[in-house]
Protein backbone atom coordinates (compact mmCIF):
# COMPACT_ATOMS: atom_id res chain seq x y z
CA UNK A 1 19.11 4.73 8.43
CA UNK A 2 15.61 3.77 9.60
CA UNK A 3 12.97 2.23 7.38
CA UNK A 4 11.12 5.53 7.07
CA UNK A 5 14.20 7.43 5.97
CA UNK A 6 15.08 4.69 3.49
CA UNK A 7 11.67 5.03 1.84
CA UNK A 8 11.89 8.82 2.01
CA UNK A 9 15.25 8.71 0.18
CA UNK A 10 13.83 6.36 -2.43
CA UNK A 11 10.88 8.69 -3.05
CA UNK A 12 13.24 11.66 -3.41
CA UNK A 13 15.28 9.88 -6.08
CA UNK A 14 14.48 10.51 -9.76
CA UNK A 15 11.54 8.66 -11.29
CA UNK A 16 8.36 7.18 -9.84
CA UNK A 17 8.72 4.62 -7.04
CA UNK A 18 6.41 1.60 -7.48
CA UNK A 19 4.92 -0.16 -4.45
CA UNK A 20 3.05 -3.40 -5.13
CA UNK A 21 -0.11 -4.23 -3.23
CA UNK A 22 0.09 -7.48 -1.26
CA UNK A 23 -2.68 -9.18 0.68
CA UNK A 24 -1.04 -12.15 2.44
CA UNK A 25 2.38 -13.68 3.00
CA UNK A 26 2.28 -15.73 -0.18
CA UNK A 27 1.44 -12.80 -2.44
CA UNK A 28 4.19 -10.83 -0.71
CA UNK A 29 6.64 -13.67 -1.36
CA UNK A 30 5.87 -13.51 -5.07
CA UNK A 31 5.97 -9.70 -5.18
CA UNK A 32 9.35 -9.67 -3.42
CA UNK A 33 10.87 -11.55 -6.34
CA UNK A 34 10.04 -8.64 -8.67
CA UNK A 35 9.93 -5.40 -6.64
CA UNK A 36 11.67 -3.96 -3.58
CA UNK A 37 8.62 -2.11 -2.27
CA UNK A 38 5.21 -3.30 -1.05
CA UNK A 39 1.95 -1.58 -0.33
CA UNK A 40 -0.08 -3.27 2.41
CA UNK A 41 -3.47 -2.79 0.80
CA UNK A 42 -6.56 -2.39 2.94
CA UNK A 43 -8.70 -3.68 0.07
CA UNK A 44 -6.58 -6.80 -0.23
CA UNK A 45 -6.30 -7.41 3.51
CA UNK A 46 -10.05 -7.07 4.10
CA UNK A 47 -10.65 -9.51 1.25
CA UNK A 48 -8.07 -12.10 2.27
CA UNK A 49 -8.25 -11.97 6.08
CA UNK A 50 -11.97 -11.43 6.57
CA UNK A 51 -13.49 -12.30 3.20
CA UNK A 52 -15.23 -8.93 3.30
CA UNK A 53 -15.25 -5.76 1.16
CA UNK A 54 -13.14 -2.72 1.98
CA UNK A 55 -15.79 -0.79 3.91
CA UNK A 56 -14.30 -0.55 7.40
CA UNK A 57 -14.14 -4.09 8.80
CA UNK A 58 -10.38 -4.13 9.48
CA UNK A 59 -9.37 -4.27 13.15
CA UNK A 60 -6.04 -2.57 13.77
CA UNK A 61 -4.44 -5.43 15.79
CA UNK A 62 -4.93 -7.72 12.79
CA UNK A 63 -3.24 -5.25 10.46
CA UNK A 64 -0.33 -4.67 12.86
CA UNK A 65 0.20 -8.43 13.26
CA UNK A 66 0.24 -8.86 9.47
CA UNK A 67 2.83 -6.12 9.02
CA UNK A 68 4.96 -7.71 11.73
CA UNK A 69 4.99 -11.00 9.80
CA UNK A 70 5.85 -9.14 6.60
CA UNK A 71 8.77 -7.31 8.18
CA UNK A 72 10.15 -10.57 9.59
CA UNK A 73 10.19 -12.20 6.16
CA UNK A 74 11.17 -9.11 4.13
CA UNK A 75 13.70 -7.16 6.20
CA UNK A 76 14.95 -5.04 3.30
CA UNK A 77 11.71 -4.18 1.49
CA UNK A 78 9.84 -0.90 1.77
CA UNK A 79 6.48 -1.43 3.51
CA UNK A 80 3.84 1.29 3.11
CA UNK A 81 0.75 0.46 5.17
CA UNK A 82 -2.84 1.53 4.54
CA UNK A 83 -4.37 2.43 7.93
CA UNK A 84 -7.61 3.78 6.43
CA UNK A 85 -8.97 6.57 8.66
CA UNK A 86 -6.68 5.60 11.54
CA UNK A 87 -9.46 3.34 12.82
CA UNK A 88 -11.68 6.35 13.53
CA UNK A 89 -10.20 7.78 16.73
CA UNK A 90 -7.08 10.00 16.63
CA UNK A 91 -5.67 8.35 19.77
CA UNK A 92 -6.06 4.94 18.15
CA UNK A 93 -4.38 6.23 14.98
CA UNK A 94 -1.38 7.39 17.02
CA UNK A 95 -1.20 4.10 18.91
CA UNK A 96 -1.23 2.16 15.63
CA UNK A 97 1.48 4.40 14.14
CA UNK A 98 3.69 3.85 17.20
CA UNK A 99 3.23 0.09 16.95
CA UNK A 100 3.87 -0.04 13.22
CA UNK A 101 7.01 2.05 13.53
CA UNK A 102 8.29 -0.20 16.32
CA UNK A 103 7.98 -3.30 14.12
CA UNK A 104 9.58 -1.65 11.12
CA UNK A 105 6.88 -0.30 8.81
CA UNK A 106 8.28 2.26 6.39
CA UNK A 107 5.21 4.46 6.24
CA UNK A 108 1.45 4.80 6.54
CA UNK A 109 -1.39 6.31 4.54
CA UNK A 110 -4.01 8.20 6.56
CA UNK A 111 -7.24 9.16 4.76
CA UNK A 112 -9.87 11.82 5.47
CA UNK A 113 -12.94 9.61 4.98
CA UNK A 114 -15.68 9.36 7.56
CA UNK A 115 -17.64 6.22 8.37
CA UNK A 116 -19.08 4.29 6.70
CA UNK A 117 -15.90 4.33 4.62
CA UNK A 118 -15.48 3.01 1.08
CA UNK A 119 -12.71 1.86 -1.25
CA UNK A 120 -11.10 4.97 -2.70
CA UNK A 121 -12.36 4.06 -6.17
CA UNK A 122 -15.96 3.34 -5.12
CA UNK A 123 -18.95 5.65 -5.22
CA UNK A 124 -20.54 7.07 -2.07
CA UNK A 125 -17.41 8.32 -0.29
CA UNK A 126 -17.84 11.00 2.39
CA UNK A 127 -15.06 13.06 3.94
CA UNK A 128 -14.51 14.50 7.39
CA UNK A 129 -14.55 18.26 7.91
CA UNK A 130 -11.08 19.40 6.88
CA UNK A 131 -10.19 20.83 10.30
CA UNK A 132 -11.08 17.53 11.98
CA UNK A 133 -8.88 15.55 9.60
CA UNK A 134 -5.99 18.00 9.89
CA UNK A 135 -6.09 17.70 13.69
CA UNK A 136 -5.90 13.90 13.44
CA UNK A 137 -3.10 14.13 10.86
CA UNK A 138 -1.13 16.53 13.08
CA UNK A 139 -1.35 14.12 16.02
CA UNK A 140 -0.02 11.32 13.82
CA UNK A 141 2.79 13.51 12.53
CA UNK A 142 3.82 14.41 16.08
CA UNK A 143 3.76 10.70 17.03
CA UNK A 144 5.92 9.29 14.24
CA UNK A 145 9.69 9.42 14.51
CA UNK A 146 11.07 8.86 11.00
CA UNK A 147 8.13 7.01 9.44
CA UNK A 148 6.80 8.35 6.12
CA UNK A 149 3.25 9.69 6.43
CA UNK A 150 1.05 10.00 3.35
CA UNK A 151 -1.86 12.40 3.74
CA UNK A 152 -4.79 11.20 1.62
CA UNK A 153 -7.98 12.91 0.61
CA UNK A 154 -11.01 11.15 -0.82
CA UNK A 155 -12.81 14.35 -1.74
CA UNK A 156 -14.91 14.13 -4.91
CA UNK A 157 -16.07 17.73 -5.37
CA UNK A 158 -13.64 19.43 -7.75
CA UNK A 159 -13.13 22.59 -5.70
CA UNK A 160 -12.79 20.57 -2.51
CA UNK A 161 -10.18 18.27 -4.09
CA UNK A 162 -7.89 21.19 -4.88
CA UNK A 163 -8.55 22.94 -1.56
CA UNK A 164 -7.75 19.84 0.46
CA UNK A 165 -4.72 18.87 -1.63
CA UNK A 166 -3.26 22.33 -1.08
CA UNK A 167 -3.90 22.15 2.67
CA UNK A 168 -2.37 18.68 2.96
CA UNK A 169 0.72 19.85 1.09
CA UNK A 170 1.15 22.63 3.64
CA UNK A 171 1.46 20.15 6.51
CA UNK A 172 4.54 18.15 7.53
CA UNK A 173 3.18 15.05 5.78
CA UNK A 174 5.79 13.59 3.45
CA UNK A 175 3.51 12.79 0.52
CA UNK A 176 0.03 13.76 -0.72
CA UNK A 177 -2.47 11.32 -2.24
CA UNK A 178 -5.73 12.29 -3.92
CA UNK A 179 -7.49 8.98 -4.44
CA UNK A 180 -9.73 8.20 -7.38
CA UNK A 181 -8.15 10.79 -9.73
CA UNK A 182 -10.08 10.49 -12.98
CA UNK A 183 -7.77 11.94 -15.64
CA UNK A 184 -4.25 12.99 -16.58
CA UNK A 185 -5.43 16.59 -16.58
CA UNK A 186 -6.46 16.25 -12.95
CA UNK A 187 -3.08 14.81 -12.05
CA UNK A 188 -1.54 17.96 -13.53
CA UNK A 189 -3.92 20.22 -11.62
CA UNK A 190 -3.16 18.46 -8.34
CA UNK A 191 0.57 18.53 -9.06
CA UNK A 192 0.35 22.30 -9.45
CA UNK A 193 -1.47 22.95 -6.17
CA UNK A 194 0.72 20.71 -3.99
CA UNK A 195 3.64 22.98 -4.89
CA UNK A 196 6.60 20.60 -4.89
CA UNK A 197 5.35 18.17 -2.21
CA UNK A 198 5.84 14.53 -3.31
CA UNK A 199 2.71 13.13 -4.95
CA UNK A 200 1.34 9.57 -4.83
CA UNK A 201 -0.95 7.98 -7.43
CA UNK A 202 -3.08 4.90 -6.77
CA UNK A 203 -3.87 2.47 -9.60
CA UNK A 204 -6.42 -0.32 -9.27
CA UNK A 205 -7.84 -2.51 -12.04
CA UNK A 206 -11.37 -1.42 -12.86
CA UNK A 207 -10.95 1.74 -10.80
CA UNK A 208 -11.64 5.35 -11.66
CA UNK A 209 -8.07 6.39 -12.53
CA UNK A 210 -6.36 6.04 -15.91
CA UNK A 211 -3.85 3.25 -16.54
CA UNK A 212 -0.43 4.91 -16.74
CA UNK A 213 3.12 3.59 -17.00
CA UNK A 214 5.85 4.58 -14.57
CA UNK A 215 7.53 6.68 -17.26
CA UNK A 216 4.24 8.50 -17.94
CA UNK A 217 3.73 9.11 -14.23
CA UNK A 218 7.28 10.36 -13.88
CA UNK A 219 6.70 12.86 -16.68
CA UNK A 220 3.59 14.07 -14.82
CA UNK A 221 5.64 14.67 -11.68
CA UNK A 222 4.26 11.73 -9.69
CA UNK A 223 6.77 10.46 -7.14
CA UNK A 224 5.13 7.23 -5.90
CA UNK A 225 2.72 4.76 -7.53
CA UNK A 226 0.86 2.18 -5.49
CA UNK A 227 -0.71 -0.79 -7.25
CA UNK A 228 -3.38 -1.90 -4.82
CA UNK A 229 -4.61 -5.22 -6.18
CA UNK A 230 -2.55 -6.79 -9.02
CA UNK A 231 -1.75 -9.86 -6.90
CA UNK A 232 -5.27 -10.24 -5.48
CA UNK A 233 -7.09 -9.97 -8.79
CA UNK A 234 -4.56 -12.16 -10.64
CA UNK A 235 -4.95 -14.84 -7.94
CA UNK A 236 -8.75 -14.60 -8.18
CA UNK A 237 -8.68 -15.13 -11.94
CA UNK A 238 -6.05 -17.90 -11.83
CA UNK A 239 -7.80 -19.82 -9.05
CA UNK A 240 -11.16 -19.56 -10.76
CA UNK A 241 -9.69 -20.85 -14.04
CA UNK A 242 -7.77 -23.69 -12.36
CA UNK A 243 -10.77 -24.92 -10.40
CA UNK A 244 -13.07 -24.71 -13.40
CA UNK A 245 -10.55 -26.80 -15.34
CA UNK A 246 -10.24 -29.30 -12.48
CA UNK A 247 -14.00 -29.68 -12.29
CA UNK A 248 -14.37 -30.16 -16.04
CA UNK A 249 -11.64 -32.86 -15.94
CA UNK A 250 -13.58 -34.84 -13.31
CA UNK A 251 -11.00 -34.00 -10.64
CA UNK A 252 -7.89 -35.04 -12.59
CA UNK A 253 -5.03 -32.57 -12.16
CA UNK A 254 -3.67 -31.18 -15.44
CA UNK A 255 -0.34 -32.49 -16.71
CA UNK A 256 2.54 -30.69 -15.05
CA UNK A 257 5.47 -29.09 -16.84
CA UNK A 258 8.09 -28.03 -14.25
CA UNK A 259 9.58 -25.54 -16.71
CA UNK A 260 6.31 -23.63 -17.08
CA UNK A 261 4.09 -24.40 -14.10
CA UNK A 262 4.26 -23.96 -10.34
CA UNK A 263 4.39 -27.17 -8.32
CA UNK A 264 5.49 -28.21 -4.88
CA UNK A 265 9.21 -27.69 -5.58
CA UNK A 266 8.84 -24.16 -6.97
CA UNK A 267 6.48 -23.17 -4.17
CA UNK A 268 8.82 -24.52 -1.50
CA UNK A 269 11.80 -22.69 -3.02
CA UNK A 270 9.85 -19.43 -2.96
CA UNK A 271 8.97 -19.83 0.72
CA UNK A 272 12.47 -20.97 1.72
CA UNK A 273 13.73 -17.68 0.35
CA UNK A 274 11.86 -15.92 3.18
CA UNK A 275 13.98 -17.84 5.70
CA UNK A 276 17.29 -17.12 4.00
CA UNK A 277 16.40 -13.45 3.48
CA UNK A 278 15.75 -13.10 7.21
CA UNK A 279 19.03 -14.82 8.14
CA UNK A 280 21.02 -12.76 5.61
CA UNK A 281 19.66 -9.55 7.08
CA UNK A 282 20.55 -10.50 10.64
CA UNK A 283 23.99 -11.64 9.50
CA UNK A 284 24.57 -8.24 7.89
CA UNK A 285 23.51 -6.47 11.10
CA UNK A 286 25.84 -8.57 13.20
CA UNK A 287 28.78 -7.81 10.88
CA UNK A 288 28.03 -4.09 11.04
CA UNK A 289 27.84 -4.29 14.84
CA UNK A 290 31.19 -6.06 14.99
């Protein structure tokens, strides 16, 4: 079974599938200890790789190279990749999808924003004419082999949200995402119009959507939940606190308790796991081939 079909089967299983947003190899290494699915967040990648906000700076070769490194270290994890608007041009979107599928991405999210684009939970978003987005989406769907494709709308007008969600559900996309959903009631309304198509919900700290547990989302009929930035924002807060403490202590490191803190040994063990995970996977494949 290919990576796309594995994710598709997981989404079809009961409950809401969580995918944790990662922004570099270290955050992915930590996330892999807790969850079996990752979301390659555009917000996080723009922040970590470029030091820039999520407004369209990502170059597709950089994203593809990152996903290739992730797949090498995490051969059994689901990898859903944010490809924004497909990097503007439909031909580029198809080229990226082909490359990502070749290296083992499980799926992609393709949005209907037009440039200049914004984070899905920011103000000022603009969307492409629906026909233009649907044509791009159809090209991507014809390009993929078994990869999961999530069709995403960033519409903000209430009538347009429902119109677009219904149209996206009528395509061969595997999952529908309406980003920036503002209430539980709107989740219900969207669930009704997508008429049985799997539904994805995006949660981001400080964003526009309500904070909901997986059990609550499951009751609402949500099939997938992506958590875009828990690693990024936690790292930001932890680094800021640690450096403020270091500065106030005149550069003296705090006392270290190996049972509670992370030091060189714990960090090395975490990273060594990426090597063994890779070898275990290839060993399994060789045994199956034999």
